[in-house]
Amino acid sequence: NKNMEAAKATIKLEPYQKVVIKSM
């Protein structure tokens, strides 16, 4: 969970976007 939050922070987003990380 900690790594996923750090990974999210590396992705540039527009104000109307979000990022979700899921396992496969």
PDBML (XML) file of the C-alpha atoms, coordinates in Angstrom:
<?xml version="1.0" encoding="UTF-8" ?>
<PDBx:datablock datablockName="MODEL"
   xmlns:PDBx="http://pdbml.pdb.org/schema/pdbx-v50.xsd"
   xmlns:xsi="http://www.w3.org/2001/XMLSchema-instance"
   xsi:schemaLocation="http://pdbml.pdb.org/schema/pdbx-v50.xsd pdbx-v50.xsd">
   <PDBx:atom_siteCategory>
      <PDBx:atom_site id="1">
         <PDBx:B_iso_or_equiv>0.00</PDBx:B_iso_or_equiv>
         <PDBx:Cartn_x>0.000</PDBx:Cartn_x>
         <PDBx:Cartn_y>0.000</PDBx:Cartn_y>
         <PDBx:Cartn_z>0.000</PDBx:Cartn_z>
         <PDBx:auth_asym_id>A</PDBx:auth_asym_id>
         <PDBx:auth_atom_id>CA</PDBx:auth_atom_id>
         <PDBx:auth_comp_id>ASN</PDBx:auth_comp_id>
         <PDBx:auth_seq_id>1</PDBx:auth_seq_id>
         <PDBx:group_PDB>ATOM</PDBx:group_PDB>
         <PDBx:label_alt_id xsi:nil="true" />
         <PDBx:label_asym_id>A</PDBx:label_asym_id>
         <PDBx:label_atom_id>CA</PDBx:label_atom_id>
         <PDBx:label_comp_id>ASN</PDBx:label_comp_id>
         <PDBx:label_entity_id>1</PDBx:label_entity_id>
         <PDBx:label_seq_id>1</PDBx:label_seq_id>
         <PDBx:occupancy>1.00</PDBx:occupancy>
         <PDBx:pdbx_PDB_model_num>1</PDBx:pdbx_PDB_model_num>
         <PDBx:type_symbol>C</PDBx:type_symbol>
      </PDBx:atom_site>
      <PDBx:atom_site id="2">
         <PDBx:B_iso_or_equiv>0.00</PDBx:B_iso_or_equiv>
         <PDBx:Cartn_x>2.852</PDBx:Cartn_x>
         <PDBx:Cartn_y>2.377</PDBx:Cartn_y>
         <PDBx:Cartn_z>0.818</PDBx:Cartn_z>
         <PDBx:auth_asym_id>A</PDBx:auth_asym_id>
         <PDBx:auth_atom_id>CA</PDBx:auth_atom_id>
         <PDBx:auth_comp_id>LYS</PDBx:auth_comp_id>
         <PDBx:auth_seq_id>2</PDBx:auth_seq_id>
         <PDBx:group_PDB>ATOM</PDBx:group_PDB>
         <PDBx:label_alt_id xsi:nil="true" />
         <PDBx:label_asym_id>A</PDBx:label_asym_id>
         <PDBx:label_atom_id>CA</PDBx:label_atom_id>
         <PDBx:label_comp_id>LYS</PDBx:label_comp_id>
         <PDBx:label_entity_id>1</PDBx:label_entity_id>
         <PDBx:label_seq_id>2</PDBx:label_seq_id>
         <PDBx:occupancy>1.00</PDBx:occupancy>
         <PDBx:pdbx_PDB_model_num>1</PDBx:pdbx_PDB_model_num>
         <PDBx:type_symbol>C</PDBx:type_symbol>
      </PDBx:atom_site>
      <PDBx:atom_site id="3">
         <PDBx:B_iso_or_equiv>0.00</PDBx:B_iso_or_equiv>
         <PDBx:Cartn_x>4.581</PDBx:Cartn_x>
         <PDBx:Cartn_y>1.593</PDBx:Cartn_y>
         <PDBx:Cartn_z>-2.481</PDBx:Cartn_z>
         <PDBx:auth_asym_id>A</PDBx:auth_asym_id>
         <PDBx:auth_atom_id>CA</PDBx:auth_atom_id>
         <PDBx:auth_comp_id>ASN</PDBx:auth_comp_id>
         <PDBx:auth_seq_id>3</PDBx:auth_seq_id>
         <PDBx:group_PDB>ATOM</PDBx:group_PDB>
         <PDBx:label_alt_id xsi:nil="true" />
         <PDBx:label_asym_id>A</PDBx:label_asym_id>
         <PDBx:label_atom_id>CA</PDBx:label_atom_id>
         <PDBx:label_comp_id>ASN</PDBx:label_comp_id>
         <PDBx:label_entity_id>1</PDBx:label_entity_id>
         <PDBx:label_seq_id>3</PDBx:label_seq_id>
         <PDBx:occupancy>1.00</PDBx:occupancy>
         <PDBx:pdbx_PDB_model_num>1</PDBx:pdbx_PDB_model_num>
         <PDBx:type_symbol>C</PDBx:type_symbol>
      </PDBx:atom_site>
      <PDBx:atom_site id="4">
         <PDBx:B_iso_or_equiv>0.00</PDBx:B_iso_or_equiv>
         <PDBx:Cartn_x>1.323</PDBx:Cartn_x>
         <PDBx:Cartn_y>2.093</PDBx:Cartn_y>
         <PDBx:Cartn_z>-4.398</PDBx:Cartn_z>
         <PDBx:auth_asym_id>A</PDBx:auth_asym_id>
         <PDBx:auth_atom_id>CA</PDBx:auth_atom_id>
         <PDBx:auth_comp_id>MET</PDBx:auth_comp_id>
         <PDBx:auth_seq_id>4</PDBx:auth_seq_id>
         <PDBx:group_PDB>ATOM</PDBx:group_PDB>
         <PDBx:label_alt_id xsi:nil="true" />
         <PDBx:label_asym_id>A</PDBx:label_asym_id>
         <PDBx:label_atom_id>CA</PDBx:label_atom_id>
         <PDBx:label_comp_id>MET</PDBx:label_comp_id>
         <PDBx:label_entity_id>1</PDBx:label_entity_id>
         <PDBx:label_seq_id>4</PDBx:label_seq_id>
         <PDBx:occupancy>1.00</PDBx:occupancy>
         <PDBx:pdbx_PDB_model_num>1</PDBx:pdbx_PDB_model_num>
         <PDBx:type_symbol>C</PDBx:type_symbol>
      </PDBx:atom_site>
      <PDBx:atom_site id="5">
         <PDBx:B_iso_or_equiv>0.00</PDBx:B_iso_or_equiv>
         <PDBx:Cartn_x>0.872</PDBx:Cartn_x>
         <PDBx:Cartn_y>5.571</PDBx:Cartn_y>
         <PDBx:Cartn_z>-2.934</PDBx:Cartn_z>
         <PDBx:auth_asym_id>A</PDBx:auth_asym_id>
         <PDBx:auth_atom_id>CA</PDBx:auth_atom_id>
         <PDBx:auth_comp_id>GLU</PDBx:auth_comp_id>
         <PDBx:auth_seq_id>5</PDBx:auth_seq_id>
         <PDBx:group_PDB>ATOM</PDBx:group_PDB>
         <PDBx:label_alt_id xsi:nil="true" />
         <PDBx:label_asym_id>A</PDBx:label_asym_id>
         <PDBx:label_atom_id>CA</PDBx:label_atom_id>
         <PDBx:label_comp_id>GLU</PDBx:label_comp_id>
         <PDBx:label_entity_id>1</PDBx:label_entity_id>
         <PDBx:label_seq_id>5</PDBx:label_seq_id>
         <PDBx:occupancy>1.00</PDBx:occupancy>
         <PDBx:pdbx_PDB_model_num>1</PDBx:pdbx_PDB_model_num>
         <PDBx:type_symbol>C</PDBx:type_symbol>
      </PDBx:atom_site>
      <PDBx:atom_site id="6">
         <PDBx:B_iso_or_equiv>0.00</PDBx:B_iso_or_equiv>
         <PDBx:Cartn_x>4.447</PDBx:Cartn_x>
         <PDBx:Cartn_y>6.418</PDBx:Cartn_y>
         <PDBx:Cartn_z>-3.935</PDBx:Cartn_z>
         <PDBx:auth_asym_id>A</PDBx:auth_asym_id>
         <PDBx:auth_atom_id>CA</PDBx:auth_atom_id>
         <PDBx:auth_comp_id>ALA</PDBx:auth_comp_id>
         <PDBx:auth_seq_id>6</PDBx:auth_seq_id>
         <PDBx:group_PDB>ATOM</PDBx:group_PDB>
         <PDBx:label_alt_id xsi:nil="true" />
         <PDBx:label_asym_id>A</PDBx:label_asym_id>
         <PDBx:label_atom_id>CA</PDBx:label_atom_id>
         <PDBx:label_comp_id>ALA</PDBx:label_comp_id>
         <PDBx:label_entity_id>1</PDBx:label_entity_id>
         <PDBx:label_seq_id>6</PDBx:label_seq_id>
         <PDBx:occupancy>1.00</PDBx:occupancy>
         <PDBx:pdbx_PDB_model_num>1</PDBx:pdbx_PDB_model_num>
         <PDBx:type_symbol>C</PDBx:type_symbol>
      </PDBx:atom_site>
      <PDBx:atom_site id="7">
         <PDBx:B_iso_or_equiv>0.00</PDBx:B_iso_or_equiv>
         <PDBx:Cartn_x>3.821</PDBx:Cartn_x>
         <PDBx:Cartn_y>5.024</PDBx:Cartn_y>
         <PDBx:Cartn_z>-7.438</PDBx:Cartn_z>
         <PDBx:auth_asym_id>A</PDBx:auth_asym_id>
         <PDBx:auth_atom_id>CA</PDBx:auth_atom_id>
         <PDBx:auth_comp_id>ALA</PDBx:auth_comp_id>
         <PDBx:auth_seq_id>7</PDBx:auth_seq_id>
         <PDBx:group_PDB>ATOM</PDBx:group_PDB>
         <PDBx:label_alt_id xsi:nil="true" />
         <PDBx:label_asym_id>A</PDBx:label_asym_id>
         <PDBx:label_atom_id>CA</PDBx:label_atom_id>
         <PDBx:label_comp_id>ALA</PDBx:label_comp_id>
         <PDBx:label_entity_id>1</PDBx:label_entity_id>
         <PDBx:label_seq_id>7</PDBx:label_seq_id>
         <PDBx:occupancy>1.00</PDBx:occupancy>
         <PDBx:pdbx_PDB_model_num>1</PDBx:pdbx_PDB_model_num>
         <PDBx:type_symbol>C</PDBx:type_symbol>
      </PDBx:atom_site>
      <PDBx:atom_site id="8">
         <PDBx:B_iso_or_equiv>0.00</PDBx:B_iso_or_equiv>
         <PDBx:Cartn_x>0.671</PDBx:Cartn_x>
         <PDBx:Cartn_y>7.146</PDBx:Cartn_y>
         <PDBx:Cartn_z>-7.813</PDBx:Cartn_z>
         <PDBx:auth_asym_id>A</PDBx:auth_asym_id>
         <PDBx:auth_atom_id>CA</PDBx:auth_atom_id>
         <PDBx:auth_comp_id>LYS</PDBx:auth_comp_id>
         <PDBx:auth_seq_id>8</PDBx:auth_seq_id>
         <PDBx:group_PDB>ATOM</PDBx:group_PDB>
         <PDBx:label_alt_id xsi:nil="true" />
         <PDBx:label_asym_id>A</PDBx:label_asym_id>
         <PDBx:label_atom_id>CA</PDBx:label_atom_id>
         <PDBx:label_comp_id>LYS</PDBx:label_comp_id>
         <PDBx:label_entity_id>1</PDBx:label_entity_id>
         <PDBx:label_seq_id>8</PDBx:label_seq_id>
         <PDBx:occupancy>1.00</PDBx:occupancy>
         <PDBx:pdbx_PDB_model_num>1</PDBx:pdbx_PDB_model_num>
         <PDBx:type_symbol>C</PDBx:type_symbol>
      </PDBx:atom_site>
      <PDBx:atom_site id="9">
         <PDBx:B_iso_or_equiv>0.00</PDBx:B_iso_or_equiv>
         <PDBx:Cartn_x>2.697</PDBx:Cartn_x>
         <PDBx:Cartn_y>10.245</PDBx:Cartn_y>
         <PDBx:Cartn_z>-7.000</PDBx:Cartn_z>
         <PDBx:auth_asym_id>A</PDBx:auth_asym_id>
         <PDBx:auth_atom_id>CA</PDBx:auth_atom_id>
         <PDBx:auth_comp_id>ALA</PDBx:auth_comp_id>
         <PDBx:auth_seq_id>9</PDBx:auth_seq_id>
         <PDBx:group_PDB>ATOM</PDBx:group_PDB>
         <PDBx:label_alt_id xsi:nil="true" />
         <PDBx:label_asym_id>A</PDBx:label_asym_id>
         <PDBx:label_atom_id>CA</PDBx:label_atom_id>
         <PDBx:label_comp_id>ALA</PDBx:label_comp_id>
         <PDBx:label_entity_id>1</PDBx:label_entity_id>
         <PDBx:label_seq_id>9</PDBx:label_seq_id>
         <PDBx:occupancy>1.00</PDBx:occupancy>
         <PDBx:pdbx_PDB_model_num>1</PDBx:pdbx_PDB_model_num>
         <PDBx:type_symbol>C</PDBx:type_symbol>
      </PDBx:atom_site>
      <PDBx:atom_site id="10">
         <PDBx:B_iso_or_equiv>0.00</PDBx:B_iso_or_equiv>
         <PDBx:Cartn_x>4.924</PDBx:Cartn_x>
         <PDBx:Cartn_y>9.614</PDBx:Cartn_y>
         <PDBx:Cartn_z>-10.033</PDBx:Cartn_z>
         <PDBx:auth_asym_id>A</PDBx:auth_asym_id>
         <PDBx:auth_atom_id>CA</PDBx:auth_atom_id>
         <PDBx:auth_comp_id>THR</PDBx:auth_comp_id>
         <PDBx:auth_seq_id>10</PDBx:auth_seq_id>
         <PDBx:group_PDB>ATOM</PDBx:group_PDB>
         <PDBx:label_alt_id xsi:nil="true" />
         <PDBx:label_asym_id>A</PDBx:label_asym_id>
         <PDBx:label_atom_id>CA</PDBx:label_atom_id>
         <PDBx:label_comp_id>THR</PDBx:label_comp_id>
         <PDBx:label_entity_id>1</PDBx:label_entity_id>
         <PDBx:label_seq_id>10</PDBx:label_seq_id>
         <PDBx:occupancy>1.00</PDBx:occupancy>
         <PDBx:pdbx_PDB_model_num>1</PDBx:pdbx_PDB_model_num>
         <PDBx:type_symbol>C</PDBx:type_symbol>
      </PDBx:atom_site>
      <PDBx:atom_site id="11">
         <PDBx:B_iso_or_equiv>0.00</PDBx:B_iso_or_equiv>
         <PDBx:Cartn_x>1.993</PDBx:Cartn_x>
         <PDBx:Cartn_y>9.852</PDBx:Cartn_y>
         <PDBx:Cartn_z>-12.473</PDBx:Cartn_z>
         <PDBx:auth_asym_id>A</PDBx:auth_asym_id>
         <PDBx:auth_atom_id>CA</PDBx:auth_atom_id>
         <PDBx:auth_comp_id>ILE</PDBx:auth_comp_id>
         <PDBx:auth_seq_id>11</PDBx:auth_seq_id>
         <PDBx:group_PDB>ATOM</PDBx:group_PDB>
         <PDBx:label_alt_id xsi:nil="true" />
         <PDBx:label_asym_id>A</PDBx:label_asym_id>
         <PDBx:label_atom_id>CA</PDBx:label_atom_id>
         <PDBx:label_comp_id>ILE</PDBx:label_comp_id>
         <PDBx:label_entity_id>1</PDBx:label_entity_id>
         <PDBx:label_seq_id>11</PDBx:label_seq_id>
         <PDBx:occupancy>1.00</PDBx:occupancy>
         <PDBx:pdbx_PDB_model_num>1</PDBx:pdbx_PDB_model_num>
         <PDBx:type_symbol>C</PDBx:type_symbol>
      </PDBx:atom_site>
      <PDBx:atom_site id="12">
         <PDBx:B_iso_or_equiv>0.00</PDBx:B_iso_or_equiv>
         <PDBx:Cartn_x>1.079</PDBx:Cartn_x>
         <PDBx:Cartn_y>13.280</PDBx:Cartn_y>
         <PDBx:Cartn_z>-13.808</PDBx:Cartn_z>
         <PDBx:auth_asym_id>A</PDBx:auth_asym_id>
         <PDBx:auth_atom_id>CA</PDBx:auth_atom_id>
         <PDBx:auth_comp_id>LYS</PDBx:auth_comp_id>
         <PDBx:auth_seq_id>12</PDBx:auth_seq_id>
         <PDBx:group_PDB>ATOM</PDBx:group_PDB>
         <PDBx:label_alt_id xsi:nil="true" />
         <PDBx:label_asym_id>A</PDBx:label_asym_id>
         <PDBx:label_atom_id>CA</PDBx:label_atom_id>
         <PDBx:label_comp_id>LYS</PDBx:label_comp_id>
         <PDBx:label_entity_id>1</PDBx:label_entity_id>
         <PDBx:label_seq_id>12</PDBx:label_seq_id>
         <PDBx:occupancy>1.00</PDBx:occupancy>
         <PDBx:pdbx_PDB_model_num>1</PDBx:pdbx_PDB_model_num>
         <PDBx:type_symbol>C</PDBx:type_symbol>
      </PDBx:atom_site>
      <PDBx:atom_site id="13">
         <PDBx:B_iso_or_equiv>0.00</PDBx:B_iso_or_equiv>
         <PDBx:Cartn_x>-2.667</PDBx:Cartn_x>
         <PDBx:Cartn_y>13.896</PDBx:Cartn_y>
         <PDBx:Cartn_z>-13.849</PDBx:Cartn_z>
         <PDBx:auth_asym_id>A</PDBx:auth_asym_id>
         <PDBx:auth_atom_id>CA</PDBx:auth_atom_id>
         <PDBx:auth_comp_id>LEU</PDBx:auth_comp_id>
         <PDBx:auth_seq_id>13</PDBx:auth_seq_id>
         <PDBx:group_PDB>ATOM</PDBx:group_PDB>
         <PDBx:label_alt_id xsi:nil="true" />
         <PDBx:label_asym_id>A</PDBx:label_asym_id>
         <PDBx:label_atom_id>CA</PDBx:label_atom_id>
         <PDBx:label_comp_id>LEU</PDBx:label_comp_id>
         <PDBx:label_entity_id>1</PDBx:label_entity_id>
         <PDBx:label_seq_id>13</PDBx:label_seq_id>
         <PDBx:occupancy>1.00</PDBx:occupancy>
         <PDBx:pdbx_PDB_model_num>1</PDBx:pdbx_PDB_model_num>
         <PDBx:type_symbol>C</PDBx:type_symbol>
      </PDBx:atom_site>
      <PDBx:atom_site id="14">
         <PDBx:B_iso_or_equiv>0.00</PDBx:B_iso_or_equiv>
         <PDBx:Cartn_x>-5.061</PDBx:Cartn_x>
         <PDBx:Cartn_y>16.532</PDBx:Cartn_y>
         <PDBx:Cartn_z>-15.084</PDBx:Cartn_z>
         <PDBx:auth_asym_id>A</PDBx:auth_asym_id>
         <PDBx:auth_atom_id>CA</PDBx:auth_atom_id>
         <PDBx:auth_comp_id>GLU</PDBx:auth_comp_id>
         <PDBx:auth_seq_id>14</PDBx:auth_seq_id>
         <PDBx:group_PDB>ATOM</PDBx:group_PDB>
         <PDBx:label_alt_id xsi:nil="true" />
         <PDBx:label_asym_id>A</PDBx:label_asym_id>
         <PDBx:label_atom_id>CA</PDBx:label_atom_id>
         <PDBx:label_comp_id>GLU</PDBx:label_comp_id>
         <PDBx:label_entity_id>1</PDBx:label_entity_id>
         <PDBx:label_seq_id>14</PDBx:label_seq_id>
         <PDBx:occupancy>1.00</PDBx:occupancy>
         <PDBx:pdbx_PDB_model_num>1</PDBx:pdbx_PDB_model_num>
         <PDBx:type_symbol>C</PDBx:type_symbol>
      </PDBx:atom_site>
      <PDBx:atom_site id="15">
         <PDBx:B_iso_or_equiv>0.00</PDBx:B_iso_or_equiv>
         <PDBx:Cartn_x>-7.348</PDBx:Cartn_x>
         <PDBx:Cartn_y>18.078</PDBx:Cartn_y>
         <PDBx:Cartn_z>-12.409</PDBx:Cartn_z>
         <PDBx:auth_asym_id>A</PDBx:auth_asym_id>
         <PDBx:auth_atom_id>CA</PDBx:auth_atom_id>
         <PDBx:auth_comp_id>PRO</PDBx:auth_comp_id>
         <PDBx:auth_seq_id>15</PDBx:auth_seq_id>
         <PDBx:group_PDB>ATOM</PDBx:group_PDB>
         <PDBx:label_alt_id xsi:nil="true" />
         <PDBx:label_asym_id>A</PDBx:label_asym_id>
         <PDBx:label_atom_id>CA</PDBx:label_atom_id>
         <PDBx:label_comp_id>PRO</PDBx:label_comp_id>
         <PDBx:label_entity_id>1</PDBx:label_entity_id>
         <PDBx:label_seq_id>15</PDBx:label_seq_id>
         <PDBx:occupancy>1.00</PDBx:occupancy>
         <PDBx:pdbx_PDB_model_num>1</PDBx:pdbx_PDB_model_num>
         <PDBx:type_symbol>C</PDBx:type_symbol>
      </PDBx:atom_site>
      <PDBx:atom_site id="16">
         <PDBx:B_iso_or_equiv>0.00</PDBx:B_iso_or_equiv>
         <PDBx:Cartn_x>-10.274</PDBx:Cartn_x>
         <PDBx:Cartn_y>15.952</PDBx:Cartn_y>
         <PDBx:Cartn_z>-13.633</PDBx:Cartn_z>
         <PDBx:auth_asym_id>A</PDBx:auth_asym_id>
         <PDBx:auth_atom_id>CA</PDBx:auth_atom_id>
         <PDBx:auth_comp_id>TYR</PDBx:auth_comp_id>
         <PDBx:auth_seq_id>16</PDBx:auth_seq_id>
         <PDBx:group_PDB>ATOM</PDBx:group_PDB>
         <PDBx:label_alt_id xsi:nil="true" />
         <PDBx:label_asym_id>A</PDBx:label_asym_id>
         <PDBx:label_atom_id>CA</PDBx:label_atom_id>
         <PDBx:label_comp_id>TYR</PDBx:label_comp_id>
         <PDBx:label_entity_id>1</PDBx:label_entity_id>
         <PDBx:label_seq_id>16</PDBx:label_seq_id>
         <PDBx:occupancy>1.00</PDBx:occupancy>
         <PDBx:pdbx_PDB_model_num>1</PDBx:pdbx_PDB_model_num>
         <PDBx:type_symbol>C</PDBx:type_symbol>
      </PDBx:atom_site>
      <PDBx:atom_site id="17">
         <PDBx:B_iso_or_equiv>0.00</PDBx:B_iso_or_equiv>
         <PDBx:Cartn_x>-8.315</PDBx:Cartn_x>
         <PDBx:Cartn_y>12.661</PDBx:Cartn_y>
         <PDBx:Cartn_z>-13.598</PDBx:Cartn_z>
         <PDBx:auth_asym_id>A</PDBx:auth_asym_id>
         <PDBx:auth_atom_id>CA</PDBx:auth_atom_id>
         <PDBx:auth_comp_id>GLN</PDBx:auth_comp_id>
         <PDBx:auth_seq_id>17</PDBx:auth_seq_id>
         <PDBx:group_PDB>ATOM</PDBx:group_PDB>
         <PDBx:label_alt_id xsi:nil="true" />
         <PDBx:label_asym_id>A</PDBx:label_asym_id>
         <PDBx:label_atom_id>CA</PDBx:label_atom_id>
         <PDBx:label_comp_id>GLN</PDBx:label_comp_id>
         <PDBx:label_entity_id>1</PDBx:label_entity_id>
         <PDBx:label_seq_id>17</PDBx:label_seq_id>
         <PDBx:occupancy>1.00</PDBx:occupancy>
         <PDBx:pdbx_PDB_model_num>1</PDBx:pdbx_PDB_model_num>
         <PDBx:type_symbol>C</PDBx:type_symbol>
      </PDBx:atom_site>
      <PDBx:atom_site id="18">
         <PDBx:B_iso_or_equiv>0.00</PDBx:B_iso_or_equiv>
         <PDBx:Cartn_x>-7.454</PDBx:Cartn_x>
         <PDBx:Cartn_y>10.097</PDBx:Cartn_y>
         <PDBx:Cartn_z>-10.954</PDBx:Cartn_z>
         <PDBx:auth_asym_id>A</PDBx:auth_asym_id>
         <PDBx:auth_atom_id>CA</PDBx:auth_atom_id>
         <PDBx:auth_comp_id>LYS</PDBx:auth_comp_id>
         <PDBx:auth_seq_id>18</PDBx:auth_seq_id>
         <PDBx:group_PDB>ATOM</PDBx:group_PDB>
         <PDBx:label_alt_id xsi:nil="true" />
         <PDBx:label_asym_id>A</PDBx:label_asym_id>
         <PDBx:label_atom_id>CA</PDBx:label_atom_id>
         <PDBx:label_comp_id>LYS</PDBx:label_comp_id>
         <PDBx:label_entity_id>1</PDBx:label_entity_id>
         <PDBx:label_seq_id>18</PDBx:label_seq_id>
         <PDBx:occupancy>1.00</PDBx:occupancy>
         <PDBx:pdbx_PDB_model_num>1</PDBx:pdbx_PDB_model_num>
         <PDBx:type_symbol>C</PDBx:type_symbol>
      </PDBx:atom_site>
      <PDBx:atom_site id="19">
         <PDBx:B_iso_or_equiv>0.00</PDBx:B_iso_or_equiv>
         <PDBx:Cartn_x>-5.227</PDBx:Cartn_x>
         <PDBx:Cartn_y>7.018</PDBx:Cartn_y>
         <PDBx:Cartn_z>-10.813</PDBx:Cartn_z>
         <PDBx:auth_asym_id>A</PDBx:auth_asym_id>
         <PDBx:auth_atom_id>CA</PDBx:auth_atom_id>
         <PDBx:auth_comp_id>VAL</PDBx:auth_comp_id>
         <PDBx:auth_seq_id>19</PDBx:auth_seq_id>
         <PDBx:group_PDB>ATOM</PDBx:group_PDB>
         <PDBx:label_alt_id xsi:nil="true" />
         <PDBx:label_asym_id>A</PDBx:label_asym_id>
         <PDBx:label_atom_id>CA</PDBx:label_atom_id>
         <PDBx:label_comp_id>VAL</PDBx:label_comp_id>
         <PDBx:label_entity_id>1</PDBx:label_entity_id>
         <PDBx:label_seq_id>19</PDBx:label_seq_id>
         <PDBx:occupancy>1.00</PDBx:occupancy>
         <PDBx:pdbx_PDB_model_num>1</PDBx:pdbx_PDB_model_num>
         <PDBx:type_symbol>C</PDBx:type_symbol>
      </PDBx:atom_site>
      <PDBx:atom_site id="20">
         <PDBx:B_iso_or_equiv>0.00</PDBx:B_iso_or_equiv>
         <PDBx:Cartn_x>-6.161</PDBx:Cartn_x>
         <PDBx:Cartn_y>3.626</PDBx:Cartn_y>
         <PDBx:Cartn_z>-9.386</PDBx:Cartn_z>
         <PDBx:auth_asym_id>A</PDBx:auth_asym_id>
         <PDBx:auth_atom_id>CA</PDBx:auth_atom_id>
         <PDBx:auth_comp_id>VAL</PDBx:auth_comp_id>
         <PDBx:auth_seq_id>20</PDBx:auth_seq_id>
         <PDBx:group_PDB>ATOM</PDBx:group_PDB>
         <PDBx:label_alt_id xsi:nil="true" />
         <PDBx:label_asym_id>A</PDBx:label_asym_id>
         <PDBx:label_atom_id>CA</PDBx:label_atom_id>
         <PDBx:label_comp_id>VAL</PDBx:label_comp_id>
         <PDBx:label_entity_id>1</PDBx:label_entity_id>
         <PDBx:label_seq_id>20</PDBx:label_seq_id>
         <PDBx:occupancy>1.00</PDBx:occupancy>
         <PDBx:pdbx_PDB_model_num>1</PDBx:pdbx_PDB_model_num>
         <PDBx:type_symbol>C</PDBx:type_symbol>
      </PDBx:atom_site>
      <PDBx:atom_site id="21">
         <PDBx:B_iso_or_equiv>0.00</PDBx:B_iso_or_equiv>
         <PDBx:Cartn_x>-3.625</PDBx:Cartn_x>
         <PDBx:Cartn_y>0.813</PDBx:Cartn_y>
         <PDBx:Cartn_z>-8.972</PDBx:Cartn_z>
         <PDBx:auth_asym_id>A</PDBx:auth_asym_id>
         <PDBx:auth_atom_id>CA</PDBx:auth_atom_id>
         <PDBx:auth_comp_id>ILE</PDBx:auth_comp_id>
         <PDBx:auth_seq_id>21</PDBx:auth_seq_id>
         <PDBx:group_PDB>ATOM</PDBx:group_PDB>
         <PDBx:label_alt_id xsi:nil="true" />
         <PDBx:label_asym_id>A</PDBx:label_asym_id>
         <PDBx:label_atom_id>CA</PDBx:label_atom_id>
         <PDBx:label_comp_id>ILE</PDBx:label_comp_id>
         <PDBx:label_entity_id>1</PDBx:label_entity_id>
         <PDBx:label_seq_id>21</PDBx:label_seq_id>
         <PDBx:occupancy>1.00</PDBx:occupancy>
         <PDBx:pdbx_PDB_model_num>1</PDBx:pdbx_PDB_model_num>
         <PDBx:type_symbol>C</PDBx:type_symbol>
      </PDBx:atom_site>
      <PDBx:atom_site id="22">
         <PDBx:B_iso_or_equiv>0.00</PDBx:B_iso_or_equiv>
         <PDBx:Cartn_x>-4.893</PDBx:Cartn_x>
         <PDBx:Cartn_y>-2.768</PDBx:Cartn_y>
         <PDBx:Cartn_z>-9.056</PDBx:Cartn_z>
         <PDBx:auth_asym_id>A</PDBx:auth_asym_id>
         <PDBx:auth_atom_id>CA</PDBx:auth_atom_id>
         <PDBx:auth_comp_id>LYS</PDBx:auth_comp_id>
         <PDBx:auth_seq_id>22</PDBx:auth_seq_id>
         <PDBx:group_PDB>ATOM</PDBx:group_PDB>
         <PDBx:label_alt_id xsi:nil="true" />
         <PDBx:label_asym_id>A</PDBx:label_asym_id>
         <PDBx:label_atom_id>CA</PDBx:label_atom_id>
         <PDBx:label_comp_id>LYS</PDBx:label_comp_id>
         <PDBx:label_entity_id>1</PDBx:label_entity_id>
         <PDBx:label_seq_id>22</PDBx:label_seq_id>
         <PDBx:occupancy>1.00</PDBx:occupancy>
         <PDBx:pdbx_PDB_model_num>1</PDBx:pdbx_PDB_model_num>
         <PDBx:type_symbol>C</PDBx:type_symbol>
      </PDBx:atom_site>
      <PDBx:atom_site id="23">
         <PDBx:B_iso_or_equiv>0.00</PDBx:B_iso_or_equiv>
         <PDBx:Cartn_x>-3.221</PDBx:Cartn_x>
         <PDBx:Cartn_y>-6.152</PDBx:Cartn_y>
         <PDBx:Cartn_z>-8.811</PDBx:Cartn_z>
         <PDBx:auth_asym_id>A</PDBx:auth_asym_id>
         <PDBx:auth_atom_id>CA</PDBx:auth_atom_id>
         <PDBx:auth_comp_id>SER</PDBx:auth_comp_id>
         <PDBx:auth_seq_id>23</PDBx:auth_seq_id>
         <PDBx:group_PDB>ATOM</PDBx:group_PDB>
         <PDBx:label_alt_id xsi:nil="true" />
         <PDBx:label_asym_id>A</PDBx:label_asym_id>
         <PDBx:label_atom_id>CA</PDBx:label_atom_id>
         <PDBx:label_comp_id>SER</PDBx:label_comp_id>
         <PDBx:label_entity_id>1</PDBx:label_entity_id>
         <PDBx:label_seq_id>23</PDBx:label_seq_id>
         <PDBx:occupancy>1.00</PDBx:occupancy>
         <PDBx:pdbx_PDB_model_num>1</PDBx:pdbx_PDB_model_num>
         <PDBx:type_symbol>C</PDBx:type_symbol>
      </PDBx:atom_site>
      <PDBx:atom_site id="24">
         <PDBx:B_iso_or_equiv>0.00</PDBx:B_iso_or_equiv>
         <PDBx:Cartn_x>-3.505</PDBx:Cartn_x>
         <PDBx:Cartn_y>-8.737</PDBx:Cartn_y>
         <PDBx:Cartn_z>-11.587</PDBx:Cartn_z>
         <PDBx:auth_asym_id>A</PDBx:auth_asym_id>
         <PDBx:auth_atom_id>CA</PDBx:auth_atom_id>
         <PDBx:auth_comp_id>MET</PDBx:auth_comp_id>
         <PDBx:auth_seq_id>24</PDBx:auth_seq_id>
         <PDBx:group_PDB>ATOM</PDBx:group_PDB>
         <PDBx:label_alt_id xsi:nil="true" />
         <PDBx:label_asym_id>A</PDBx:label_asym_id>
         <PDBx:label_atom_id>CA</PDBx:label_atom_id>
         <PDBx:label_comp_id>MET</PDBx:label_comp_id>
         <PDBx:label_entity_id>1</PDBx:label_entity_id>
         <PDBx:label_seq_id>24</PDBx:label_seq_id>
         <PDBx:occupancy>1.00</PDBx:occupancy>
         <PDBx:pdbx_PDB_model_num>1</PDBx:pdbx_PDB_model_num>
         <PDBx:type_symbol>C</PDBx:type_symbol>
      </PDBx:atom_site>
   </PDBx:atom_siteCategory>
</PDBx:datablock>
